[in-house]
N, C-alpha and C. Protein backbone atom coordinates (compact mmCIF):
# COMPACT_ATOMS: atom_id res chain seq x y z
N MET A 1 44.54 27.55 -3.22
CA MET A 1 43.48 26.48 -3.51
C MET A 1 42.70 26.30 -2.28
N LYS A 2 43.34 26.47 -1.03
CA LYS A 2 42.57 26.22 0.24
C LYS A 2 41.41 27.26 0.28
N ASN A 3 41.70 28.53 -0.11
CA ASN A 3 40.65 29.58 0.00
C ASN A 3 39.51 29.22 -0.90
N TYR A 4 39.76 28.71 -2.07
CA TYR A 4 38.62 28.29 -2.94
C TYR A 4 37.77 27.22 -2.35
N ARG A 5 38.52 26.21 -1.74
CA ARG A 5 37.72 25.10 -1.04
C ARG A 5 36.92 25.66 0.01
N ASN A 6 37.39 26.70 0.85
CA ASN A 6 36.57 27.24 1.93
C ASN A 6 35.44 27.92 1.35
N LEU A 7 35.64 28.73 0.25
CA LEU A 7 34.54 29.53 -0.32
C LEU A 7 33.44 28.54 -0.89
N LEU A 8 34.01 27.51 -1.68
CA LEU A 8 33.02 26.56 -2.24
C LEU A 8 32.24 25.90 -1.07
N GLY A 9 32.89 25.54 0.02
CA GLY A 9 32.14 24.85 1.15
C GLY A 9 31.13 25.77 1.72
N ALA A 10 31.52 27.10 1.82
CA ALA A 10 30.50 28.09 2.39
C ALA A 10 29.30 28.13 1.38
N LEU A 11 29.57 28.26 0.11
CA LEU A 11 28.51 28.42 -0.86
C LEU A 11 27.63 27.09 -0.94
N ALA A 12 28.27 25.97 -0.76
CA ALA A 12 27.52 24.72 -0.68
C ALA A 12 26.70 24.70 0.59
N ALA A 13 27.14 25.23 1.71
CA ALA A 13 26.34 25.29 2.87
C ALA A 13 25.10 26.17 2.66
N VAL A 14 25.29 27.34 2.00
CA VAL A 14 24.18 28.31 1.72
C VAL A 14 23.25 27.68 0.86
N SER A 15 23.76 26.93 -0.23
CA SER A 15 22.85 26.15 -1.12
C SER A 15 22.02 25.11 -0.42
N ALA A 16 22.64 24.40 0.53
CA ALA A 16 21.98 23.38 1.21
C ALA A 16 20.85 23.94 2.10
N LEU A 17 21.10 25.12 2.75
CA LEU A 17 20.15 25.76 3.53
C LEU A 17 19.02 26.21 2.70
N MET A 18 19.30 26.78 1.49
CA MET A 18 18.22 27.29 0.61
C MET A 18 17.37 26.13 0.02
N SER A 19 18.01 24.98 -0.21
CA SER A 19 17.27 23.88 -0.86
C SER A 19 16.51 23.07 0.31
N GLY A 20 16.87 23.37 1.59
CA GLY A 20 16.15 22.66 2.66
C GLY A 20 14.74 23.08 2.81
N ASN A 21 14.33 24.30 2.33
CA ASN A 21 12.95 24.76 2.54
C ASN A 21 12.40 24.80 1.10
N ALA A 22 11.57 23.69 0.83
CA ALA A 22 11.03 23.53 -0.61
C ALA A 22 10.16 24.66 -1.00
N SER A 23 9.53 25.41 -0.12
CA SER A 23 8.68 26.40 -0.51
C SER A 23 9.40 27.83 -0.74
N ALA A 24 10.73 27.77 -0.50
CA ALA A 24 11.56 29.02 -0.58
C ALA A 24 11.55 29.52 -2.05
N GLU A 25 11.32 30.73 -2.35
CA GLU A 25 11.38 31.39 -3.58
C GLU A 25 12.86 31.85 -3.90
N ILE A 26 13.35 31.53 -4.96
CA ILE A 26 14.75 31.93 -5.31
C ILE A 26 14.69 33.05 -6.33
N ALA A 27 15.35 34.01 -6.13
CA ALA A 27 15.38 35.26 -7.09
C ALA A 27 16.75 35.38 -7.60
N TYR A 28 16.93 35.82 -8.83
CA TYR A 28 18.30 35.99 -9.34
C TYR A 28 18.28 37.31 -10.09
N THR A 29 19.47 37.87 -10.25
CA THR A 29 19.78 39.16 -10.86
C THR A 29 20.96 39.06 -11.77
N LEU A 30 20.88 39.45 -13.02
CA LEU A 30 22.07 39.49 -13.84
C LEU A 30 22.30 40.99 -14.15
N HIS A 31 23.56 41.39 -14.04
CA HIS A 31 23.86 42.82 -14.26
C HIS A 31 25.09 42.95 -15.12
N THR A 32 25.23 44.01 -15.86
CA THR A 32 26.34 44.40 -16.65
C THR A 32 26.57 45.84 -16.66
N GLY A 33 27.76 46.33 -17.04
CA GLY A 33 27.89 47.76 -17.05
C GLY A 33 29.31 48.19 -17.62
N TYR A 34 29.48 49.45 -17.82
CA TYR A 34 30.73 50.05 -18.18
C TYR A 34 31.03 51.34 -17.43
N SER A 35 32.18 51.58 -17.07
CA SER A 35 32.62 52.84 -16.46
C SER A 35 33.93 53.25 -17.09
N ASN A 36 34.02 54.44 -17.33
CA ASN A 36 35.38 54.94 -17.83
C ASN A 36 36.46 54.96 -16.81
N GLU A 37 36.12 54.91 -15.54
CA GLU A 37 37.13 54.77 -14.38
C GLU A 37 36.64 53.79 -13.54
N TYR A 38 37.48 52.86 -12.99
CA TYR A 38 37.21 51.82 -11.94
C TYR A 38 37.56 52.48 -10.65
N LEU A 39 36.48 53.04 -10.00
CA LEU A 39 36.66 53.65 -8.64
C LEU A 39 36.13 52.68 -7.61
N TRP A 40 36.89 52.41 -6.62
CA TRP A 40 36.53 51.45 -5.60
C TRP A 40 37.04 52.12 -4.22
N ARG A 41 36.14 52.25 -3.38
CA ARG A 41 36.51 52.90 -2.05
C ARG A 41 37.42 54.09 -2.10
N GLY A 42 37.11 54.97 -3.06
CA GLY A 42 37.91 56.25 -3.23
C GLY A 42 39.22 56.09 -3.99
N LEU A 43 39.45 54.89 -4.35
CA LEU A 43 40.77 54.58 -5.14
C LEU A 43 40.49 54.40 -6.70
N ASN A 44 41.26 55.01 -7.48
CA ASN A 44 41.10 54.73 -8.93
C ASN A 44 42.01 53.57 -9.26
N LEU A 45 41.33 52.49 -9.54
CA LEU A 45 42.02 51.22 -9.80
C LEU A 45 42.36 50.93 -11.22
N GLY A 46 41.73 51.81 -12.13
CA GLY A 46 42.05 51.58 -13.56
C GLY A 46 41.02 52.33 -14.45
N ASN A 47 41.09 52.07 -15.79
CA ASN A 47 40.14 52.76 -16.70
C ASN A 47 39.42 51.77 -17.57
N ASP A 48 38.41 52.14 -18.14
CA ASP A 48 37.48 51.28 -19.05
C ASP A 48 37.14 50.00 -18.46
N LEU A 49 36.44 50.08 -17.33
CA LEU A 49 35.90 48.94 -16.73
C LEU A 49 34.69 48.40 -17.41
N VAL A 50 34.75 47.14 -17.81
CA VAL A 50 33.66 46.42 -18.32
C VAL A 50 33.26 45.32 -17.32
N GLU A 51 32.10 45.28 -16.75
CA GLU A 51 31.71 44.36 -15.70
C GLU A 51 30.47 43.57 -16.00
N ALA A 52 30.40 42.43 -15.36
CA ALA A 52 29.12 41.65 -15.45
C ALA A 52 29.05 40.84 -14.11
N GLY A 53 27.87 40.47 -13.76
CA GLY A 53 27.68 39.66 -12.54
C GLY A 53 26.45 39.01 -12.45
N ALA A 54 26.30 38.10 -11.45
CA ALA A 54 25.07 37.33 -11.25
C ALA A 54 24.88 37.18 -9.82
N ASP A 55 23.68 37.29 -9.33
CA ASP A 55 23.35 37.25 -7.88
C ASP A 55 22.16 36.37 -7.72
N VAL A 56 22.12 35.58 -6.60
CA VAL A 56 21.03 34.76 -6.38
C VAL A 56 20.59 35.00 -4.88
N ALA A 57 19.35 35.02 -4.62
CA ALA A 57 18.80 35.27 -3.28
C ALA A 57 17.65 34.45 -2.91
N GLY A 58 17.51 34.16 -1.73
CA GLY A 58 16.31 33.38 -1.19
C GLY A 58 16.08 33.50 0.35
N LYS A 59 15.10 32.90 0.83
CA LYS A 59 14.85 32.91 2.29
C LYS A 59 14.73 31.48 2.73
N ALA A 60 15.22 31.25 3.91
CA ALA A 60 15.19 30.00 4.53
C ALA A 60 15.32 30.15 6.06
N TYR A 61 14.39 29.54 6.81
CA TYR A 61 14.46 29.57 8.26
C TYR A 61 14.49 30.94 8.94
N GLY A 62 13.84 31.83 8.26
CA GLY A 62 13.69 33.27 8.71
C GLY A 62 14.85 34.07 8.37
N LEU A 63 15.80 33.56 7.52
CA LEU A 63 16.97 34.32 7.10
C LEU A 63 16.92 34.64 5.64
N ASP A 64 17.50 35.78 5.33
CA ASP A 64 17.73 36.17 3.89
C ASP A 64 19.04 35.73 3.56
N LEU A 65 19.24 34.84 2.51
CA LEU A 65 20.48 34.23 2.05
C LEU A 65 20.79 34.76 0.66
N SER A 66 21.96 35.15 0.31
CA SER A 66 22.27 35.58 -0.98
C SER A 66 23.79 35.31 -1.27
N ALA A 67 24.05 35.16 -2.56
CA ALA A 67 25.46 34.81 -3.04
C ALA A 67 25.55 35.39 -4.46
N GLY A 68 26.87 35.62 -4.81
CA GLY A 68 26.95 36.05 -6.24
C GLY A 68 28.45 36.14 -6.65
N ALA A 69 28.55 36.52 -7.96
CA ALA A 69 29.89 36.66 -8.55
C ALA A 69 29.86 37.91 -9.48
N TRP A 70 30.96 38.67 -9.38
CA TRP A 70 31.17 39.84 -10.18
C TRP A 70 32.47 39.71 -10.91
N TYR A 71 32.48 40.01 -12.22
CA TYR A 71 33.76 39.94 -13.01
C TYR A 71 33.88 41.23 -13.68
N GLY A 72 35.12 41.83 -13.48
CA GLY A 72 35.45 43.07 -14.21
C GLY A 72 36.69 42.96 -14.95
N SER A 73 36.75 43.55 -16.12
CA SER A 73 37.88 43.64 -16.93
C SER A 73 38.22 45.16 -17.16
N PHE A 74 39.53 45.61 -16.97
CA PHE A 74 39.82 47.01 -16.98
C PHE A 74 41.28 47.21 -17.31
N SER A 75 41.72 48.41 -17.76
CA SER A 75 42.93 48.74 -18.15
C SER A 75 43.64 49.38 -16.93
N LYS A 76 44.84 48.92 -16.61
CA LYS A 76 45.63 49.44 -15.53
C LYS A 76 47.08 49.54 -15.95
N ASP A 77 47.57 50.79 -16.04
CA ASP A 77 48.89 51.11 -16.35
C ASP A 77 49.26 50.54 -17.83
N GLY A 78 48.26 50.61 -18.70
CA GLY A 78 48.41 50.23 -20.03
C GLY A 78 48.32 48.73 -20.27
N THR A 79 48.00 47.92 -19.27
CA THR A 79 47.80 46.53 -19.42
C THR A 79 46.42 46.13 -19.09
N ASN A 80 45.81 45.07 -19.62
CA ASN A 80 44.51 44.59 -19.22
C ASN A 80 44.55 43.82 -18.01
N SER A 81 43.70 44.16 -16.99
CA SER A 81 43.59 43.38 -15.71
C SER A 81 42.20 42.87 -15.56
N ASN A 82 42.16 41.77 -14.88
CA ASN A 82 40.76 41.10 -14.58
C ASN A 82 40.60 40.90 -13.06
N GLU A 83 39.37 41.03 -12.58
CA GLU A 83 39.04 40.80 -11.24
C GLU A 83 37.74 39.91 -11.12
N LEU A 84 37.77 38.92 -10.28
CA LEU A 84 36.56 38.15 -10.10
C LEU A 84 36.37 38.20 -8.45
N ASP A 85 35.16 38.73 -8.19
CA ASP A 85 34.78 38.79 -6.79
C ASP A 85 33.69 37.80 -6.58
N LEU A 86 33.78 36.95 -5.45
CA LEU A 86 32.73 36.05 -5.01
C LEU A 86 32.31 36.36 -3.63
N TYR A 87 30.97 36.34 -3.43
CA TYR A 87 30.47 36.86 -2.19
C TYR A 87 29.24 36.11 -1.70
N GLY A 88 28.98 36.19 -0.44
CA GLY A 88 27.84 35.55 0.13
C GLY A 88 27.36 36.33 1.41
N GLU A 89 26.17 36.29 1.79
CA GLU A 89 25.53 37.07 2.83
C GLU A 89 24.44 36.32 3.52
N VAL A 90 24.39 36.36 4.89
CA VAL A 90 23.18 35.95 5.62
C VAL A 90 22.70 37.18 6.28
N ALA A 91 21.31 37.49 6.29
CA ALA A 91 20.79 38.63 6.89
C ALA A 91 19.48 38.32 7.65
N LYS A 92 19.17 39.10 8.60
CA LYS A 92 17.98 38.88 9.37
C LYS A 92 17.28 40.29 9.61
N ASP A 93 15.97 40.29 9.32
CA ASP A 93 15.22 41.50 9.53
C ASP A 93 14.61 41.44 10.93
N PHE A 94 15.01 42.38 11.79
CA PHE A 94 14.49 42.42 13.21
C PHE A 94 13.35 43.38 13.39
N GLY A 95 12.81 43.88 12.27
CA GLY A 95 11.66 44.87 12.21
C GLY A 95 12.24 46.26 12.34
N PHE A 96 13.06 46.73 13.29
CA PHE A 96 13.53 48.06 13.39
C PHE A 96 14.76 48.23 12.59
N VAL A 97 15.51 47.15 12.37
CA VAL A 97 16.78 47.20 11.68
C VAL A 97 17.03 45.80 11.03
N LYS A 98 17.76 45.80 9.93
CA LYS A 98 18.08 44.50 9.34
C LYS A 98 19.63 44.37 9.44
N GLY A 99 20.04 43.24 10.11
CA GLY A 99 21.40 42.97 10.34
C GLY A 99 22.01 41.94 9.26
N SER A 100 23.24 42.06 8.92
CA SER A 100 23.81 41.08 8.02
C SER A 100 25.23 40.80 8.32
N ILE A 101 25.64 39.68 7.92
CA ILE A 101 27.07 39.19 7.96
C ILE A 101 27.37 38.56 6.57
N GLY A 102 28.56 38.95 6.05
CA GLY A 102 28.86 38.57 4.70
C GLY A 102 30.31 38.22 4.53
N TYR A 103 30.71 37.77 3.41
CA TYR A 103 32.07 37.43 3.01
C TYR A 103 32.23 37.73 1.53
N ILE A 104 33.43 38.27 1.30
CA ILE A 104 33.88 38.70 -0.04
C ILE A 104 35.26 38.17 -0.32
N ALA A 105 35.50 37.52 -1.47
CA ALA A 105 36.83 37.17 -1.95
C ALA A 105 37.09 37.93 -3.18
N TYR A 106 38.15 38.71 -3.23
CA TYR A 106 38.57 39.49 -4.51
C TYR A 106 39.75 38.74 -5.06
N THR A 107 39.57 38.09 -6.22
CA THR A 107 40.59 37.30 -6.93
C THR A 107 41.02 38.00 -8.23
N TYR A 108 42.21 37.70 -8.63
CA TYR A 108 42.74 38.36 -9.83
C TYR A 108 43.29 37.14 -10.78
N PRO A 109 42.39 36.58 -11.67
CA PRO A 109 42.69 35.42 -12.39
C PRO A 109 43.91 35.43 -13.29
N ASN A 110 44.27 36.59 -13.90
CA ASN A 110 45.34 36.60 -14.77
C ASN A 110 46.58 37.42 -14.35
N SER A 111 46.74 37.40 -13.00
CA SER A 111 47.85 38.17 -12.48
C SER A 111 48.46 37.48 -11.27
N THR A 112 49.57 37.96 -10.79
CA THR A 112 50.17 37.34 -9.62
C THR A 112 49.71 37.97 -8.34
N SER A 113 48.70 38.88 -8.43
CA SER A 113 48.22 39.57 -7.21
C SER A 113 47.49 38.45 -6.34
N SER A 114 47.57 38.76 -5.05
CA SER A 114 46.92 37.91 -4.12
C SER A 114 45.49 37.93 -4.03
N THR A 115 44.83 36.94 -3.49
CA THR A 115 43.36 36.98 -3.18
C THR A 115 43.22 37.74 -1.91
N TYR A 116 42.29 38.60 -1.81
CA TYR A 116 41.94 39.47 -0.67
C TYR A 116 40.53 38.93 -0.14
N GLU A 117 40.49 38.84 1.10
CA GLU A 117 39.18 38.39 1.66
C GLU A 117 38.78 39.26 2.79
N GLU A 118 37.43 39.42 2.87
CA GLU A 118 36.89 40.35 3.92
C GLU A 118 35.61 39.61 4.51
N VAL A 119 35.34 39.86 5.78
CA VAL A 119 34.09 39.52 6.39
C VAL A 119 33.42 40.91 6.78
N TYR A 120 32.20 40.99 6.50
CA TYR A 120 31.55 42.34 6.89
C TYR A 120 30.33 42.06 7.73
N PHE A 121 30.08 43.09 8.50
CA PHE A 121 28.92 43.16 9.39
C PHE A 121 28.19 44.48 9.03
N GLY A 122 26.87 44.39 8.96
CA GLY A 122 26.04 45.50 8.50
C GLY A 122 24.71 45.56 9.22
N LEU A 123 24.27 46.92 9.18
CA LEU A 123 22.97 47.25 9.61
C LEU A 123 22.29 48.07 8.52
N ALA A 124 20.95 47.98 8.35
CA ALA A 124 20.31 48.68 7.29
C ALA A 124 18.92 48.91 7.73
N ARG A 125 18.47 50.08 7.39
CA ARG A 125 16.98 50.50 7.63
C ARG A 125 16.53 51.51 6.57
N THR A 126 15.26 51.51 6.28
CA THR A 126 14.66 52.42 5.37
C THR A 126 13.95 53.53 6.17
N PHE A 127 14.36 54.76 5.83
CA PHE A 127 13.70 55.97 6.48
C PHE A 127 12.99 56.68 5.30
N GLY A 128 11.62 56.47 5.35
CA GLY A 128 10.77 57.06 4.27
C GLY A 128 11.21 56.54 2.84
N TYR A 129 11.75 57.34 2.03
CA TYR A 129 12.14 56.90 0.71
C TYR A 129 13.68 56.57 0.60
N VAL A 130 14.40 56.77 1.70
CA VAL A 130 15.83 56.59 1.64
C VAL A 130 16.23 55.37 2.35
N ASP A 131 16.99 54.46 1.60
CA ASP A 131 17.55 53.30 2.16
C ASP A 131 18.86 53.66 2.71
N THR A 132 19.13 53.27 4.07
CA THR A 132 20.40 53.54 4.70
C THR A 132 21.13 52.22 5.04
N SER A 133 22.42 52.39 5.14
CA SER A 133 23.15 51.12 5.52
C SER A 133 24.45 51.57 6.17
N LEU A 134 24.94 50.82 7.07
CA LEU A 134 26.23 51.06 7.75
C LEU A 134 26.88 49.56 7.84
N LYS A 135 28.22 49.58 7.28
CA LYS A 135 28.78 48.32 7.16
C LYS A 135 30.32 48.50 7.66
N TYR A 136 30.71 47.37 8.30
CA TYR A 136 32.17 47.36 8.72
C TYR A 136 32.77 46.16 8.08
N PHE A 137 33.85 46.38 7.25
CA PHE A 137 34.55 45.30 6.57
C PHE A 137 35.84 45.01 7.28
N TRP A 138 35.91 43.72 7.72
CA TRP A 138 37.03 43.31 8.62
C TRP A 138 37.85 42.39 7.59
N ASP A 139 39.18 42.82 7.50
CA ASP A 139 40.12 42.19 6.70
C ASP A 139 40.57 40.78 7.30
N VAL A 140 40.28 39.67 6.48
CA VAL A 140 40.66 38.42 6.86
C VAL A 140 42.05 38.11 6.16
N LYS A 141 42.12 38.39 4.87
CA LYS A 141 43.41 38.26 4.20
C LYS A 141 43.61 39.38 3.28
N GLY A 142 44.63 40.17 3.56
CA GLY A 142 44.85 41.43 2.80
C GLY A 142 45.41 42.49 3.63
N ASP A 143 45.19 43.81 3.31
CA ASP A 143 45.76 44.82 4.03
C ASP A 143 44.97 46.09 4.31
N ASN A 144 43.62 45.87 4.43
CA ASN A 144 42.81 47.17 4.64
C ASN A 144 42.72 47.62 5.98
N ASN A 145 43.09 46.92 6.97
CA ASN A 145 43.05 47.34 8.46
C ASN A 145 41.59 47.76 8.91
N GLY A 146 40.65 47.21 8.28
CA GLY A 146 39.24 47.55 8.58
C GLY A 146 38.77 48.73 7.77
N TYR A 147 37.42 48.78 7.47
CA TYR A 147 36.95 49.79 6.62
C TYR A 147 35.39 49.96 6.95
N THR A 148 34.95 51.18 7.22
CA THR A 148 33.59 51.47 7.52
C THR A 148 32.92 52.26 6.44
N GLU A 149 31.75 51.92 6.03
CA GLU A 149 30.99 52.58 4.93
C GLU A 149 29.52 52.90 5.31
N LEU A 150 29.10 54.16 5.13
CA LEU A 150 27.74 54.58 5.21
C LEU A 150 27.11 54.74 3.90
N GLY A 151 26.04 54.12 3.59
CA GLY A 151 25.40 54.17 2.28
C GLY A 151 23.96 54.74 2.34
N LEU A 152 23.57 55.51 1.30
CA LEU A 152 22.28 56.10 1.17
C LEU A 152 21.85 55.85 -0.25
N GLY A 153 20.60 55.50 -0.37
CA GLY A 153 20.09 55.24 -1.82
C GLY A 153 18.54 55.16 -1.86
N HIS A 154 18.15 55.09 -3.16
CA HIS A 154 16.71 54.85 -3.44
C HIS A 154 16.66 54.23 -4.85
N SER A 155 15.61 53.33 -4.97
CA SER A 155 15.53 52.62 -6.20
C SER A 155 14.17 53.03 -6.82
N PHE A 156 14.18 53.27 -8.18
CA PHE A 156 12.94 53.55 -8.91
C PHE A 156 12.58 52.48 -9.82
N THR A 157 11.28 52.00 -9.73
CA THR A 157 10.91 50.89 -10.65
C THR A 157 10.49 51.54 -11.97
N LEU A 158 11.08 51.11 -13.10
CA LEU A 158 10.77 51.62 -14.35
C LEU A 158 9.83 50.73 -15.10
N SER A 159 9.96 49.41 -14.95
CA SER A 159 9.03 48.48 -15.44
C SER A 159 9.10 47.27 -14.60
N PRO A 160 8.33 46.23 -14.73
CA PRO A 160 8.37 45.08 -13.87
C PRO A 160 9.70 44.37 -13.92
N CYS A 161 10.63 44.56 -14.91
CA CYS A 161 11.81 43.82 -15.05
C CYS A 161 13.02 44.84 -15.13
N LEU A 162 12.75 46.13 -14.78
CA LEU A 162 13.81 47.14 -14.87
C LEU A 162 13.76 48.21 -13.82
N SER A 163 14.80 48.45 -13.09
CA SER A 163 14.75 49.53 -12.15
C SER A 163 16.06 50.29 -12.20
N LEU A 164 15.98 51.56 -11.65
CA LEU A 164 17.06 52.44 -11.59
C LEU A 164 17.44 52.75 -10.22
N GLY A 165 18.68 52.45 -9.79
CA GLY A 165 19.05 52.70 -8.45
C GLY A 165 20.07 53.81 -8.39
N LEU A 166 19.76 54.76 -7.44
CA LEU A 166 20.71 55.85 -7.13
C LEU A 166 21.29 55.72 -5.71
N THR A 167 22.60 55.63 -5.68
CA THR A 167 23.27 55.41 -4.32
C THR A 167 24.42 56.21 -4.20
N THR A 168 24.78 56.41 -3.02
CA THR A 168 26.12 57.06 -2.61
C THR A 168 26.67 56.53 -1.38
N ASN A 169 27.90 56.37 -1.23
CA ASN A 169 28.57 55.84 -0.04
C ASN A 169 29.69 56.77 0.42
N VAL A 170 29.91 56.74 1.73
CA VAL A 170 31.00 57.53 2.30
C VAL A 170 31.65 56.49 3.11
N GLY A 171 32.97 56.41 2.93
CA GLY A 171 33.79 55.45 3.69
C GLY A 171 34.91 56.06 4.44
């Protein structure tokens, strides 16, 4: 319960920062999907992943602020498993590179699995048409002993409310 209070406190602080700037524009994204395999950081965590999520983002005091939730339901060893991820990020564009610091909590609502928590530090830059990123995930509660990921991607706008993103990550 303590972890949820910490997360709710952090999200409340982000909300307070975002509401402190009355002219700030808030953007939101809703997403859903299906995958026949639940692959995460090179590990096959299960099959028949049905997922949905919501993200909110805005700017305040020269910072990009974002938070969101992702929920996935999948089959693991013949039983149904559920995962709820809660996350938030603060980023700053320095012109030549964008730096970010974020937090992720991985929770498992219908199981006895522990909640895992990570803080990450990232750098991102666009080179021509390719978006690049480098992130280091530091384990706060869990057992990953640190994880580094390089990402490459590009997004194509299909209509004013629909885009197609192609990305790849190496960890």
